[in-house]
Protein backbone atom coordinates (compact mmCIF):
# COMPACT_ATOMS: atom_id res chain seq x y z
CA MET A 1 227.76 12.96 113.19
CA GLU A 2 230.01 10.31 114.75
CA TYR A 3 233.29 9.13 113.12
CA ILE A 4 235.29 6.07 113.85
CA CYS A 5 239.01 7.17 114.40
CA PRO A 6 242.11 5.20 114.76
CA VAL A 7 243.92 6.05 118.05
CA LEU A 8 246.87 5.18 120.24
CA GLY A 9 246.82 5.82 123.81
CA GLU A 10 244.05 6.79 126.26
CA GLY A 11 242.22 9.81 127.58
CA ASP A 12 243.95 13.00 127.03
CA GLU A 13 246.92 11.13 125.64
CA ARG A 14 245.37 9.77 122.54
CA ASP A 15 247.24 10.14 119.32
CA PHE A 16 245.04 10.24 115.98
CA ILE A 17 246.38 9.56 112.65
CA ALA A 18 247.33 12.90 111.13
CA ILE A 19 248.22 13.58 107.52
CA GLY A 20 250.33 16.35 106.57
CA GLN A 21 252.96 18.41 108.46
CA ALA A 22 252.75 19.48 112.18
CA GLU A 23 251.88 23.05 111.14
CA ASN A 24 249.16 21.95 108.48
CA PHE A 25 247.60 18.63 109.11
CA LYS A 26 244.23 16.77 108.57
CA ILE A 27 243.12 13.77 110.71
CA ALA A 28 241.79 10.64 109.10
CA VAL A 29 238.37 9.43 110.03
CA PHE A 30 236.19 6.69 108.97
CA THR A 31 232.29 6.38 108.66
CA ASN A 32 231.99 2.74 110.06
CA LEU A 33 233.99 -0.07 111.21
CA ASP A 34 234.32 -1.76 107.71
CA MET A 35 235.78 1.55 106.49
CA TYR A 36 238.03 1.82 109.33
CA HIS A 37 239.59 -1.77 108.85
CA GLU A 38 239.94 -1.12 105.15
CA GLY A 39 241.53 2.22 105.70
CA CYS A 40 244.01 0.87 108.41
CA LYS A 41 244.95 -1.83 105.91
CA TYR A 42 245.26 0.86 103.24
CA LEU A 43 247.51 3.01 105.58
CA GLU A 44 249.41 0.08 106.66
CA VAL A 45 248.96 0.79 110.34
CA THR A 46 248.62 -1.57 113.23
CA GLY A 47 248.13 -1.26 116.95
CA TYR A 48 245.50 1.37 116.79
CA GLU A 49 242.19 1.05 118.45
CA PRO A 50 238.82 2.53 116.96
CA ILE A 51 236.88 4.82 118.89
CA LYS A 52 233.85 6.78 118.18
CA VAL A 53 234.49 10.45 118.01
CA SER A 54 231.78 13.20 117.57
CA ASP A 55 232.18 16.07 115.23
CA GLU A 56 232.09 18.18 118.04
CA LEU A 57 235.66 17.39 118.89
CA PHE A 58 236.83 18.41 115.38
CA LYS A 59 234.79 21.65 115.66
CA ASP A 60 236.38 22.44 118.75
CA LEU A 61 239.86 21.67 117.49
CA ALA A 62 239.08 23.93 114.32
CA LYS A 63 238.52 26.83 116.54
CA LYS A 64 241.46 26.22 119.01
CA ASP A 65 244.23 24.82 116.96
CA ASP A 66 245.84 26.92 114.05
CA GLU A 67 247.60 23.87 112.58
CA PHE A 68 244.53 21.69 112.35
CA THR A 69 243.15 22.03 108.71
CA GLY A 70 240.39 19.58 108.69
CA ILE A 71 239.45 15.74 108.35
CA ILE A 72 239.87 13.24 105.57
CA VAL A 73 236.86 10.88 105.52
CA ASN A 74 237.62 7.33 104.26
CA ILE A 75 241.14 8.09 103.07
CA HIS A 76 241.35 4.68 101.22
CA ASN A 77 238.40 5.37 98.76
CA GLU A 78 236.16 8.41 99.34
CA LYS A 79 239.01 10.76 100.29
CA LYS A 80 236.36 13.45 101.17
CA ILE A 81 238.02 16.49 102.76
CA ILE A 82 236.19 18.60 105.26
CA ASN A 83 238.20 21.46 105.93
CA LYS A 84 238.49 23.71 109.07
CA GLU A 85 235.90 26.23 107.82
CA GLU A 86 233.32 23.64 106.94
CA LEU A 87 233.69 21.93 110.41
CA GLU A 88 233.06 25.41 112.28
CA ARG A 89 229.92 25.70 110.35
CA LEU A 90 228.45 22.35 111.06
């Protein structure tokens, strides 16, 4: 599955929107561009660019980063949390 993620920067220097603390964070993702725009308005963030990201990235992150705890899908309305363990099983 692919998600739309707001990012700052390019390549390996991309910064995603992280929710939580450095040692326990989730990444905000959106299911389509409309949800992305609504979510950015809800979060009151500007300057981010939308990129498509495969769930493979989050699976790898779940395996390699102890601080990463999952993703939050459509934070402005659905607020579906897919935790680290669920990502690893996808």
